Amino acid sequence: MPIQRIDLNLFRVFEAIMQHRSVTAASRQLGVTPSAVSHALSRLRHALADELFVSGEAGMEPTPRALQLAPEIRDGLGRIDLALGSGPFVPADALRTFRVATSDYVAAAILPPLLAHIGSAAPRIDLRIFPLNRTDVIHQLDDGRVDLVLGWFGELPDRIRRTPIFKDQEALVVRAGHPLSEGAVTKERLFAFPHVVVELTGEEEQAGDGFLNERGVSRRIWIERLLIEMSDPDQGLMGRVAISVPHYATVPALLRATDMVATLPRRFALAQPSLVVLDLPYEPLVVDVEAIWHQRADLDAGLKWLIGAIHL
C-alpha cells in the first residue's frame, strides 16, 4: 500500500508494541488507552495485510513480516524526529524506558550507582535489563528490541558504535582454606583441581579463544584463559571443567562448597565474602567492559545521556 494512504501515527504504535511486546505497556508509553492501541494495530494489520503481532508466551510476538519491517520503521521514525528538530533531552522532565542487555556481573557493578543517579536526576526514566547470555542479543540490537548492550567485545561491524565503561581483569578464585591458598600457585597445582566456568550463552558453542561470533560481532563469553592457553597435553597439563554455568552469581556458592577453581572478573571476585583471590602464575588479561549501540541512535540525546550516566 502506498505510504500516502497510511497514517504515520500507526507506525508509532507498531514501534511501541515492538519494544514492549505488550498493548498495555505500549499504551502507557504513548499516553493513550489500550483500546486505542488495539484499534490502531487493527488498522495497521489491515493496511499491511499481515497480523504483525500474535499472542504468545512472551507477550505479543512479532510475525516474520513485522521483524522484517521493524528496523526500517525504527530508522524512519528516528529520521522524522530529527527532521522535525525535536527539543533537547531534559533528564528531569524525560519520560522514557531504556532497554539494556548485560550480564549479571556488569549489572551488579553499574546498576546501584546508576539508579541512584537516575533517581535524583531523571526520576521518570525506567530501565529494563535483559540477559546478555541470549545468543541473539546482537539481532535484538539490530532490530531495536534493546537500546544498549554492555559487555566484552572484539570485532564489531561498522553499524555498531562502542565506548568503554570500565576496565577489569581476570582473577583466579577459590574458597577460604583451599589448598591453593597456601604456597606458590603454579600451573601444575591449578590443573590438579576441577574448574567451574562461566559460559554466558549457557551452551557449548564458544570458540577456542572464548569469543562467540554472531552477525559480524565478536563478543567474549568466557575468560577461562588458564584452560584455553595453558593446557599442555605433552606435559600432562590438562584442565577439567567440572561444571559450566551461564551466570556469574552462581559461582561463589559453588566455590565455597567445593575445592573447585574459577576465573572471574576481579571486580566481581573482590566483592565476594569467604573467597580468596590467588596470585596468577601469568600476566592477567585486562579487558574493557563496553557499551555498544546501533548507529541509528548516534543522535539520540537520551541514549547519550544514559551512557554518560553509566560512566559516573
C-alpha atoms as a PDB file:
ATOM      1  CA  MET A   1       0.000   0.000   0.000  1.00  0.00           C
ATOM      2  CA  PRO A   2       1.381   3.481  -0.824  1.00  0.00           C
ATOM      3  CA  ILE A   3       2.733   5.317   2.219  1.00  0.00           C
ATOM      4  CA  GLN A   4       0.439   8.278   1.473  1.00  0.00           C
ATOM      5  CA  ARG A   5      -2.575   6.113   2.421  1.00  0.00           C
ATOM      6  CA  ILE A   6      -1.227   5.047   5.860  1.00  0.00           C
ATOM      7  CA  ASP A   7      -1.480   7.197   8.985  1.00  0.00           C
ATOM      8  CA  LEU A   8       2.143   7.549  10.138  1.00  0.00           C
ATOM      9  CA  ASN A   9       0.986   7.509  13.759  1.00  0.00           C
ATOM     10  CA  LEU A  10       0.261   3.822  13.265  1.00  0.00           C
ATOM     11  CA  PHE A  11       3.982   3.231  12.951  1.00  0.00           C
ATOM     12  CA  ARG A  12       4.473   4.829  16.374  1.00  0.00           C
ATOM     13  CA  VAL A  13       2.103   2.222  17.731  1.00  0.00           C
ATOM     14  CA  PHE A  14       3.968  -0.515  15.849  1.00  0.00           C
ATOM     15  CA  GLU A  15       7.283   0.626  17.345  1.00  0.00           C
ATOM     16  CA  ALA A  16       5.885   0.790  20.891  1.00  0.00           C
ATOM     17  CA  ILE A  17       4.456  -2.740  20.669  1.00  0.00           C
ATOM     18  CA  MET A  18       7.706  -3.993  19.143  1.00  0.00           C
ATOM     19  CA  GLN A  19       9.626  -2.560  22.088  1.00  0.00           C
ATOM     20  CA  HIS A  20       7.351  -3.740  24.888  1.00  0.00           C
ATOM     21  CA  ARG A  21       5.630  -6.801  23.365  1.00  0.00           C
ATOM     22  CA  SER A  22       2.512  -5.598  25.190  1.00  0.00           C
ATOM     23  CA  VAL A  23      -0.507  -3.498  24.194  1.00  0.00           C
ATOM     24  CA  THR A  24      -0.863  -2.223  27.760  1.00  0.00           C
ATOM     25  CA  ALA A  25       2.801  -1.197  28.078  1.00  0.00           C
ATOM     26  CA  ALA A  26       2.678   0.408  24.625  1.00  0.00           C
ATOM     27  CA  SER A  27      -0.382   2.423  25.664  1.00  0.00           C
ATOM     28  CA  ARG A  28       1.470   3.730  28.730  1.00  0.00           C
ATOM     29  CA  GLN A  29       4.416   4.824  26.602  1.00  0.00           C
ATOM     30  CA  LEU A  30       2.159   6.521  24.051  1.00  0.00           C
ATOM     31  CA  GLY A  31      -0.146   8.082  26.637  1.00  0.00           C
ATOM     32  CA  VAL A  32      -3.322   6.549  25.189  1.00  0.00           C
ATOM     33  CA  THR A  33      -5.723   3.802  26.252  1.00  0.00           C
ATOM     34  CA  PRO A  34      -5.065   0.113  25.486  1.00  0.00           C
ATOM     35  CA  SER A  35      -8.196   0.066  23.343  1.00  0.00           C
ATOM     36  CA  ALA A  36      -6.801   2.911  21.233  1.00  0.00           C
ATOM     37  CA  VAL A  37      -3.596   0.920  20.705  1.00  0.00           C
ATOM     38  CA  SER A  38      -5.593  -2.189  19.766  1.00  0.00           C
ATOM     39  CA  HIS A  39      -7.651  -0.168  17.294  1.00  0.00           C
ATOM     40  CA  ALA A  40      -4.518   1.349  15.734  1.00  0.00           C
ATOM     41  CA  LEU A  41      -2.923  -2.106  15.445  1.00  0.00           C
ATOM     42  CA  SER A  42      -6.057  -3.400  13.729  1.00  0.00           C
ATOM     43  CA  ARG A  43      -5.862  -0.582  11.180  1.00  0.00           C
ATOM     44  CA  LEU A  44      -2.194  -1.271  10.510  1.00  0.00           C
ATOM     45  CA  ARG A  45      -2.842  -5.002  10.149  1.00  0.00           C
ATOM     46  CA  HIS A  46      -5.467  -4.225   7.527  1.00  0.00           C
ATOM     47  CA  ALA A  47      -3.216  -1.752   5.716  1.00  0.00           C
ATOM     48  CA  LEU A  48      -0.260  -4.159   5.573  1.00  0.00           C
ATOM     49  CA  ALA A  49      -2.285  -7.373   5.151  1.00  0.00           C
ATOM     50  CA  ASP A  50      -0.429  -9.102   7.978  1.00  0.00           C
ATOM     51  CA  GLU A  51      -1.187  -9.922  11.631  1.00  0.00           C
ATOM     52  CA  LEU A  52       2.125  -8.236  12.650  1.00  0.00           C
ATOM     53  CA  PHE A  53       1.810  -9.384  16.310  1.00  0.00           C
ATOM     54  CA  VAL A  54       0.244 -12.539  17.740  1.00  0.00           C
ATOM     55  CA  SER A  55      -0.230 -13.611  21.354  1.00  0.00           C
ATOM     56  CA  GLY A  56       2.485 -15.917  22.665  1.00  0.00           C
ATOM     57  CA  GLU A  57       4.277 -16.993  25.832  1.00  0.00           C
ATOM     58  CA  ALA A  58       6.426 -13.852  25.796  1.00  0.00           C
ATOM     59  CA  GLY A  59       3.524 -11.494  25.075  1.00  0.00           C
ATOM     60  CA  MET A  60       2.775 -10.011  21.666  1.00  0.00           C
ATOM     61  CA  GLU A  61       5.208 -11.867  19.424  1.00  0.00           C
ATOM     62  CA  PRO A  62       6.063 -10.283  16.040  1.00  0.00           C
ATOM     63  CA  THR A  63       5.413 -12.140  12.813  1.00  0.00           C
ATOM     64  CA  PRO A  64       8.210 -12.571  10.252  1.00  0.00           C
ATOM     65  CA  ARG A  65       6.763  -9.592   8.352  1.00  0.00           C
ATOM     66  CA  ALA A  66       6.898  -7.430  11.490  1.00  0.00           C
ATOM     67  CA  LEU A  67      10.508  -8.449  12.160  1.00  0.00           C
ATOM     68  CA  GLN A  68      11.364  -7.544   8.573  1.00  0.00           C
ATOM     69  CA  LEU A  69       9.743  -4.119   8.913  1.00  0.00           C
ATOM     70  CA  ALA A  70      10.935  -3.279  12.434  1.00  0.00           C
ATOM     71  CA  PRO A  71      14.444  -1.901  11.750  1.00  0.00           C
ATOM     72  CA  GLU A  72      13.247   0.191   8.798  1.00  0.00           C
ATOM     73  CA  ILE A  73      10.293   1.622  10.740  1.00  0.00           C
ATOM     74  CA  ARG A  74      12.501   2.442  13.719  1.00  0.00           C
ATOM     75  CA  ASP A  75      15.064   4.096  11.468  1.00  0.00           C
ATOM     76  CA  GLY A  76      12.368   6.032   9.591  1.00  0.00           C
ATOM     77  CA  LEU A  77      10.755   7.335  12.779  1.00  0.00           C
ATOM     78  CA  GLY A  78      14.158   8.427  14.034  1.00  0.00           C
ATOM     79  CA  ARG A  79      14.807  10.329  10.838  1.00  0.00           C
ATOM     80  CA  ILE A  80      11.416  12.043  11.079  1.00  0.00           C
ATOM     81  CA  ASP A  81      12.162  13.100  14.652  1.00  0.00           C
ATOM     82  CA  LEU A  82      15.494  14.563  13.580  1.00  0.00           C
ATOM     83  CA  ALA A  83      13.943  16.327  10.595  1.00  0.00           C
ATOM     84  CA  LEU A  84      11.327  17.924  12.817  1.00  0.00           C
ATOM     85  CA  GLY A  85      14.005  19.136  15.180  1.00  0.00           C
ATOM     86  CA  SER A  86      12.668  17.621  18.385  1.00  0.00           C
ATOM     87  CA  GLY A  87      13.565  19.553  21.519  1.00  0.00           C
ATOM     88  CA  PRO A  88      16.601  18.843  23.671  1.00  0.00           C
ATOM     89  CA  PHE A  89      16.627  15.945  26.099  1.00  0.00           C
ATOM     90  CA  VAL A  90      15.928  17.251  29.596  1.00  0.00           C
ATOM     91  CA  PRO A  91      16.588  14.439  32.120  1.00  0.00           C
ATOM     92  CA  ALA A  92      14.430  15.937  34.867  1.00  0.00           C
ATOM     93  CA  ASP A  93      11.410  16.050  32.516  1.00  0.00           C
ATOM     94  CA  ALA A  94      12.069  12.933  30.435  1.00  0.00           C
ATOM     95  CA  LEU A  95       9.549  10.089  30.441  1.00  0.00           C
ATOM     96  CA  ARG A  96      11.288   7.124  28.834  1.00  0.00           C
ATOM     97  CA  THR A  97      12.167   3.458  29.218  1.00  0.00           C
ATOM     98  CA  PHE A  98      15.616   2.219  28.151  1.00  0.00           C
ATOM     99  CA  ARG A  99      16.221  -1.460  27.350  1.00  0.00           C
ATOM    100  CA  VAL A 100      19.701  -2.703  28.231  1.00  0.00           C
ATOM    101  CA  ALA A 101      21.216  -6.167  27.735  1.00  0.00           C
ATOM    102  CA  THR A 102      24.075  -7.171  30.015  1.00  0.00           C
ATOM    103  CA  SER A 103      25.470  -9.935  32.219  1.00  0.00           C
ATOM    104  CA  ASP A 104      24.633 -10.254  35.909  1.00  0.00           C
ATOM    105  CA  TYR A 105      28.210  -9.245  36.778  1.00  0.00           C
ATOM    106  CA  VAL A 106      28.135  -5.971  34.825  1.00  0.00           C
ATOM    107  CA  ALA A 107      24.610  -5.242  36.055  1.00  0.00           C
ATOM    108  CA  ALA A 108      25.755  -5.618  39.666  1.00  0.00           C
ATOM    109  CA  ALA A 109      28.684  -3.287  39.013  1.00  0.00           C
ATOM    110  CA  ILE A 110      26.824  -0.435  37.314  1.00  0.00           C
ATOM    111  CA  LEU A 111      23.193  -0.526  38.438  1.00  0.00           C
ATOM    112  CA  PRO A 112      23.465   0.644  42.071  1.00  0.00           C
ATOM    113  CA  PRO A 113      25.243   3.949  41.272  1.00  0.00           C
ATOM    114  CA  LEU A 114      23.307   4.363  38.012  1.00  0.00           C
ATOM    115  CA  LEU A 115      19.907   4.002  39.677  1.00  0.00           C
ATOM    116  CA  ALA A 116      20.916   6.389  42.441  1.00  0.00           C
ATOM    117  CA  HIS A 117      21.837   8.973  39.799  1.00  0.00           C
ATOM    118  CA  ILE A 118      18.677   8.393  37.762  1.00  0.00           C
ATOM    119  CA  GLY A 119      16.543   8.682  40.883  1.00  0.00           C
ATOM    120  CA  SER A 120      17.805  12.202  41.555  1.00  0.00           C
ATOM    121  CA  ALA A 121      18.457  13.494  38.033  1.00  0.00           C
ATOM    122  CA  ALA A 122      15.769  11.781  35.930  1.00  0.00           C
ATOM    123  CA  PRO A 123      13.119  10.240  38.212  1.00  0.00           C
ATOM    124  CA  ARG A 124      10.720   9.286  35.398  1.00  0.00           C
ATOM    125  CA  ILE A 125      13.274   7.247  33.431  1.00  0.00           C
ATOM    126  CA  ASP A 126      12.883   3.469  33.769  1.00  0.00           C
ATOM    127  CA  LEU A 127      15.263   0.634  32.880  1.00  0.00           C
ATOM    128  CA  ARG A 128      14.517  -2.840  31.570  1.00  0.00           C
ATOM    129  CA  ILE A 129      17.502  -5.193  31.918  1.00  0.00           C
ATOM    130  CA  PHE A 130      17.767  -8.257  29.674  1.00  0.00           C
ATOM    131  CA  PRO A 131      20.297 -11.133  29.868  1.00  0.00           C
ATOM    132  CA  LEU A 132      23.389 -10.957  27.697  1.00  0.00           C
ATOM    133  CA  ASN A 133      23.522 -14.754  27.531  1.00  0.00           C
ATOM    134  CA  ARG A 134      20.967 -14.796  24.700  1.00  0.00           C
ATOM    135  CA  THR A 135      22.727 -15.780  21.504  1.00  0.00           C
ATOM    136  CA  ASP A 136      20.522 -13.407  19.501  1.00  0.00           C
ATOM    137  CA  VAL A 137      21.347 -10.284  21.529  1.00  0.00           C
ATOM    138  CA  ILE A 138      23.016  -8.590  18.546  1.00  0.00           C
ATOM    139  CA  HIS A 139      19.940  -9.418  16.475  1.00  0.00           C
ATOM    140  CA  GLN A 140      17.907  -7.633  19.144  1.00  0.00           C
ATOM    141  CA  LEU A 141      20.164  -4.582  18.848  1.00  0.00           C
ATOM    142  CA  ASP A 142      19.818  -4.582  15.066  1.00  0.00           C
ATOM    143  CA  ASP A 143      16.036  -4.837  15.318  1.00  0.00           C
ATOM    144  CA  GLY A 144      15.689  -2.204  18.027  1.00  0.00           C
ATOM    145  CA  ARG A 145      14.494  -4.576  20.749  1.00  0.00           C
ATOM    146  CA  VAL A 146      17.284  -3.309  23.037  1.00  0.00           C
ATOM    147  CA  ASP A 147      18.838   0.156  23.083  1.00  0.00           C
ATOM    148  CA  LEU A 148      22.202  -0.690  24.614  1.00  0.00           C
ATOM    149  CA  VAL A 149      24.366  -3.762  25.193  1.00  0.00           C
ATOM    150  CA  LEU A 150      27.069  -3.882  27.870  1.00  0.00           C
ATOM    151  CA  GLY A 151      29.848  -6.478  27.763  1.00  0.00           C
ATOM    152  CA  TRP A 152      33.218  -7.502  26.334  1.00  0.00           C
ATOM    153  CA  PHE A 153      33.555  -7.333  22.583  1.00  0.00           C
ATOM    154  CA  GLY A 154      36.139  -7.970  19.897  1.00  0.00           C
ATOM    155  CA  GLU A 155      35.317  -7.115  16.305  1.00  0.00           C
ATOM    156  CA  LEU A 156      32.222  -5.022  15.612  1.00  0.00           C
ATOM    157  CA  PRO A 157      30.670  -4.141  12.240  1.00  0.00           C
ATOM    158  CA  ASP A 158      30.544  -0.539  11.078  1.00  0.00           C
ATOM    159  CA  ARG A 159      26.883  -0.162  12.024  1.00  0.00           C
ATOM    160  CA  ILE A 160      27.658  -0.748  15.720  1.00  0.00           C
ATOM    161  CA  ARG A 161      29.124   2.018  17.885  1.00  0.00           C
ATOM    162  CA  ARG A 162      31.147   1.433  21.062  1.00  0.00           C
ATOM    163  CA  THR A 163      32.573   3.218  24.083  1.00  0.00           C
ATOM    164  CA  PRO A 164      34.492   1.808  27.084  1.00  0.00           C
ATOM    165  CA  ILE A 165      32.799   1.932  30.505  1.00  0.00           C
ATOM    166  CA  PHE A 166      35.456   0.499  32.825  1.00  0.00           C
ATOM    167  CA  LYS A 167      38.434  -1.837  32.789  1.00  0.00           C
ATOM    168  CA  ASP A 168      38.628  -5.135  34.596  1.00  0.00           C
ATOM    169  CA  GLN A 169      40.960  -8.107  34.679  1.00  0.00           C
ATOM    170  CA  GLU A 170      40.776 -11.799  35.319  1.00  0.00           C
ATOM    171  CA  ALA A 171      41.243 -13.283  38.772  1.00  0.00           C
ATOM    172  CA  LEU A 172      41.664 -16.860  39.974  1.00  0.00           C
ATOM    173  CA  VAL A 173      39.348 -17.525  42.896  1.00  0.00           C
ATOM    174  CA  VAL A 174      38.949 -20.318  45.462  1.00  0.00           C
ATOM    175  CA  ARG A 175      37.237 -20.755  48.829  1.00  0.00           C
ATOM    176  CA  ALA A 176      38.915 -19.645  52.050  1.00  0.00           C
ATOM    177  CA  GLY A 177      41.067 -22.508  53.354  1.00  0.00           C
ATOM    178  CA  HIS A 178      41.524 -24.058  49.911  1.00  0.00           C
ATOM    179  CA  PRO A 179      44.863 -25.899  49.479  1.00  0.00           C
ATOM    180  CA  LEU A 180      45.859 -23.364  46.812  1.00  0.00           C
ATOM    181  CA  SER A 181      45.517 -20.500  49.294  1.00  0.00           C
ATOM    182  CA  GLU A 182      48.827 -21.623  50.858  1.00  0.00           C
ATOM    183  CA  GLY A 183      52.119 -21.708  48.986  1.00  0.00           C
ATOM    184  CA  ALA A 184      53.112 -20.720  45.474  1.00  0.00           C
ATOM    185  CA  VAL A 185      50.428 -21.067  42.812  1.00  0.00           C
ATOM    186  CA  THR A 186      51.737 -22.927  39.774  1.00  0.00           C
ATOM    187  CA  LYS A 187      50.034 -24.172  36.649  1.00  0.00           C
ATOM    188  CA  GLU A 188      50.644 -27.745  37.796  1.00  0.00           C
ATOM    189  CA  ARG A 189      48.850 -27.132  41.106  1.00  0.00           C
ATOM    190  CA  LEU A 190      45.976 -25.296  39.380  1.00  0.00           C
ATOM    191  CA  PHE A 191      45.355 -28.137  36.965  1.00  0.00           C
ATOM    192  CA  ALA A 192      45.125 -30.567  39.876  1.00  0.00           C
ATOM    193  CA  PHE A 193      41.704 -29.135  40.783  1.00  0.00           C
ATOM    194  CA  PRO A 194      38.465 -29.102  38.785  1.00  0.00           C
ATOM    195  CA  HIS A 195      37.207 -25.789  37.406  1.00  0.00           C
ATOM    196  CA  VAL A 196      33.871 -24.039  37.219  1.00  0.00           C
ATOM    197  CA  VAL A 197      33.496 -21.980  34.050  1.00  0.00           C
ATOM    198  CA  VAL A 198      31.053 -19.193  33.226  1.00  0.00           C
ATOM    199  CA  GLU A 199      29.788 -19.542  29.644  1.00  0.00           C
ATOM    200  CA  LEU A 200      27.381 -16.663  29.093  1.00  0.00           C
ATOM    201  CA  THR A 201      25.383 -18.417  26.380  1.00  0.00           C
ATOM    202  CA  GLY A 202      24.745 -21.436  28.557  1.00  0.00           C
ATOM    203  CA  GLU A 203      25.774 -23.592  25.596  1.00  0.00           C
ATOM    204  CA  GLU A 204      28.955 -25.321  24.495  1.00  0.00           C
ATOM    205  CA  GLU A 205      29.440 -23.264  21.358  1.00  0.00           C
ATOM    206  CA  GLN A 206      32.315 -20.980  22.331  1.00  0.00           C
ATOM    207  CA  ALA A 207      35.296 -20.552  20.065  1.00  0.00           C
ATOM    208  CA  GLY A 208      38.703 -21.645  21.272  1.00  0.00           C
ATOM    209  CA  ASP A 209      39.616 -18.119  22.356  1.00  0.00           C
ATOM    210  CA  GLY A 210      36.478 -17.648  24.441  1.00  0.00           C
ATOM    211  CA  PHE A 211      34.717 -15.473  21.866  1.00  0.00           C
ATOM    212  CA  LEU A 212      31.368 -16.106  20.199  1.00  0.00           C
ATOM    213  CA  ASN A 213      30.896 -14.702  16.711  1.00  0.00           C
ATOM    214  CA  GLU A 214      27.391 -13.817  15.540  1.00  0.00           C
ATOM    215  CA  ARG A 215      26.078 -11.430  12.890  1.00  0.00           C
ATOM    216  CA  GLY A 216      29.513  -9.880  12.420  1.00  0.00           C
ATOM    217  CA  VAL A 217      30.007  -9.243  16.141  1.00  0.00           C
ATOM    218  CA  SER A 218      32.628 -10.968  18.273  1.00  0.00           C
ATOM    219  CA  ARG A 219      31.852 -10.954  21.988  1.00  0.00           C
ATOM    220  CA  ARG A 220      33.658 -12.660  24.825  1.00  0.00           C
ATOM    221  CA  ILE A 221      31.503 -15.238  26.604  1.00  0.00           C
ATOM    222  CA  TRP A 222      34.109 -16.721  28.933  1.00  0.00           C
ATOM    223  CA  ILE A 223      37.535 -15.736  30.284  1.00  0.00           C
ATOM    224  CA  GLU A 224      38.993 -19.083  31.342  1.00  0.00           C
ATOM    225  CA  ARG A 225      42.432 -18.416  29.832  1.00  0.00           C
ATOM    226  CA  LEU A 226      44.029 -20.970  32.088  1.00  0.00           C
ATOM    227  CA  LEU A 227      42.106 -23.724  30.297  1.00  0.00           C
ATOM    228  CA  ILE A 228      42.320 -22.065  26.871  1.00  0.00           C
ATOM    229  CA  GLU A 229      46.019 -21.224  26.710  1.00  0.00           C
ATOM    230  CA  MET A 230      47.862 -23.069  29.451  1.00  0.00           C
ATOM    231  CA  SER A 231      46.877 -26.668  28.675  1.00  0.00           C
ATOM    232  CA  ASP A 232      49.818 -28.770  27.517  1.00  0.00           C
ATOM    233  CA  PRO A 233      48.903 -32.445  26.950  1.00  0.00           C
ATOM    234  CA  ASP A 234      52.544 -33.317  26.232  1.00  0.00           C
ATOM    235  CA  GLN A 235      53.462 -32.154  29.728  1.00  0.00           C
ATOM    236  CA  GLY A 236      50.417 -33.734  31.334  1.00  0.00           C
ATOM    237  CA  LEU A 237      48.747 -30.354  31.918  1.00  0.00           C
ATOM    238  CA  MET A 238      45.085 -30.823  31.101  1.00  0.00           C
ATOM    239  CA  GLY A 239      42.394 -28.880  32.908  1.00  0.00           C
ATOM    240  CA  ARG A 240      38.969 -30.309  33.717  1.00  0.00           C
ATOM    241  CA  VAL A 241      35.757 -28.299  33.550  1.00  0.00           C
ATOM    242  CA  ALA A 242      33.631 -29.884  36.254  1.00  0.00           C
ATOM    243  CA  ILE A 243      30.675 -27.578  35.639  1.00  0.00           C
ATOM    244  CA  SER A 244      29.759 -24.675  33.383  1.00  0.00           C
ATOM    245  CA  VAL A 245      27.088 -22.136  34.335  1.00  0.00           C
ATOM    246  CA  PRO A 246      25.532 -19.185  32.455  1.00  0.00           C
ATOM    247  CA  HIS A 247      25.667 -16.706  35.367  1.00  0.00           C
ATOM    248  CA  TYR A 248      28.498 -15.282  37.486  1.00  0.00           C
ATOM    249  CA  ALA A 249      26.231 -15.098  40.550  1.00  0.00           C
ATOM    250  CA  THR A 250      26.152 -18.911  40.740  1.00  0.00           C
ATOM    251  CA  VAL A 251      29.909 -19.316  41.101  1.00  0.00           C
ATOM    252  CA  PRO A 252      30.660 -18.094  44.666  1.00  0.00           C
ATOM    253  CA  ALA A 253      28.326 -20.653  46.272  1.00  0.00           C
ATOM    254  CA  LEU A 254      29.877 -23.450  44.181  1.00  0.00           C
ATOM    255  CA  LEU A 255      33.385 -22.433  45.209  1.00  0.00           C
ATOM    256  CA  ARG A 256      32.509 -22.223  48.911  1.00  0.00           C
ATOM    257  CA  ALA A 257      31.130 -25.779  48.839  1.00  0.00           C
ATOM    258  CA  THR A 258      33.951 -27.443  46.857  1.00  0.00           C
ATOM    259  CA  ASP A 259      37.656 -27.369  46.001  1.00  0.00           C
ATOM    260  CA  MET A 260      36.927 -26.057  42.506  1.00  0.00           C
ATOM    261  CA  VAL A 261      38.746 -23.097  40.957  1.00  0.00           C
ATOM    262  CA  ALA A 262      37.156 -20.309  38.915  1.00  0.00           C
ATOM    263  CA  THR A 263      38.378 -17.464  36.752  1.00  0.00           C
ATOM    264  CA  LEU A 264      36.216 -14.409  37.446  1.00  0.00           C
ATOM    265  CA  PRO A 265      36.335 -10.676  36.739  1.00  0.00           C
ATOM    266  CA  ARG A 266      38.470  -9.220  39.535  1.00  0.00           C
ATOM    267  CA  ARG A 267      35.918  -6.537  40.466  1.00  0.00           C
ATOM    268  CA  PHE A 268      33.298  -9.231  40.986  1.00  0.00           C
ATOM    269  CA  ALA A 269      35.676 -11.581  42.819  1.00  0.00           C
ATOM    270  CA  LEU A 270      36.793  -8.978  45.362  1.00  0.00           C
ATOM    271  CA  ALA A 271      33.177  -8.320  46.345  1.00  0.00           C
ATOM    272  CA  GLN A 272      32.553 -11.961  47.336  1.00  0.00           C
ATOM    273  CA  PRO A 273      32.903 -12.864  51.035  1.00  0.00           C
ATOM    274  CA  SER A 274      34.761 -16.031  52.098  1.00  0.00           C
ATOM    275  CA  LEU A 275      36.603 -16.287  48.784  1.00  0.00           C
ATOM    276  CA  VAL A 276      40.318 -15.857  48.138  1.00  0.00           C
ATOM    277  CA  VAL A 277      41.854 -14.248  45.054  1.00  0.00           C
ATOM    278  CA  LEU A 278      45.041 -16.112  44.137  1.00  0.00           C
ATOM    279  CA  ASP A 279      48.242 -14.725  42.669  1.00  0.00           C
ATOM    280  CA  LEU A 280      48.255 -15.545  38.965  1.00  0.00           C
ATOM    281  CA  PRO A 281      51.135 -17.599  37.522  1.00  0.00           C
ATOM    282  CA  TYR A 282      50.876 -15.470  34.364  1.00  0.00           C
ATOM    283  CA  GLU A 283      50.081 -11.878  33.342  1.00  0.00           C
ATOM    284  CA  PRO A 284      46.370 -11.197  33.856  1.00  0.00           C
ATOM    285  CA  LEU A 285      44.114 -10.451  30.920  1.00  0.00           C
ATOM    286  CA  VAL A 286      42.875  -6.837  31.110  1.00  0.00           C
ATOM    287  CA  VAL A 287      39.620  -6.105  29.261  1.00  0.00           C
ATOM    288  CA  ASP A 288      37.401  -3.131  28.510  1.00  0.00           C
ATOM    289  CA  VAL A 289      33.777  -3.514  29.501  1.00  0.00           C
ATOM    290  CA  GLU A 290      32.000  -1.538  26.777  1.00  0.00           C
ATOM    291  CA  ALA A 291      28.628  -0.109  25.856  1.00  0.00           C
ATOM    292  CA  ILE A 292      27.561  -0.710  22.251  1.00  0.00           C
ATOM    293  CA  TRP A 293      24.567   0.612  20.309  1.00  0.00           C
ATOM    294  CA  HIS A 294      23.292   0.862  16.751  1.00  0.00           C
ATOM    295  CA  GLN A 295      24.412   3.734  14.543  1.00  0.00           C
ATOM    296  CA  ARG A 296      20.837   4.902  14.069  1.00  0.00           C
ATOM    297  CA  ALA A 297      20.943   6.093  17.695  1.00  0.00           C
ATOM    298  CA  ASP A 298      24.013   8.300  17.181  1.00  0.00           C
ATOM    299  CA  LEU A 299      21.872  11.436  17.522  1.00  0.00           C
ATOM    300  CA  ASP A 300      19.676  10.072  20.317  1.00  0.00           C
ATOM    301  CA  ALA A 301      20.319  12.606  23.085  1.00  0.00           C
ATOM    302  CA  GLY A 302      18.526  10.456  25.651  1.00  0.00           C
ATOM    303  CA  LEU A 303      20.708   7.415  24.972  1.00  0.00           C
ATOM    304  CA  LYS A 304      23.819   9.604  25.060  1.00  0.00           C
ATOM    305  CA  TRP A 305      22.726  10.876  28.458  1.00  0.00           C
ATOM    306  CA  LEU A 306      22.270   7.307  29.732  1.00  0.00           C
ATOM    307  CA  ILE A 307      25.728   6.254  28.513  1.00  0.00           C
ATOM    308  CA  GLY A 308      27.197   9.293  30.235  1.00  0.00           C
ATOM    309  CA  ALA A 309      25.343   8.389  33.435  1.00  0.00           C
ATOM    310  CA  ILE A 310      26.761   4.854  33.307  1.00  0.00           C
ATOM    311  CA  HIS A 311      30.269   6.366  33.259  1.00  0.00           C
ATOM    312  CA  LEU A 312      29.641   8.287  36.512  1.00  0.00           C
END
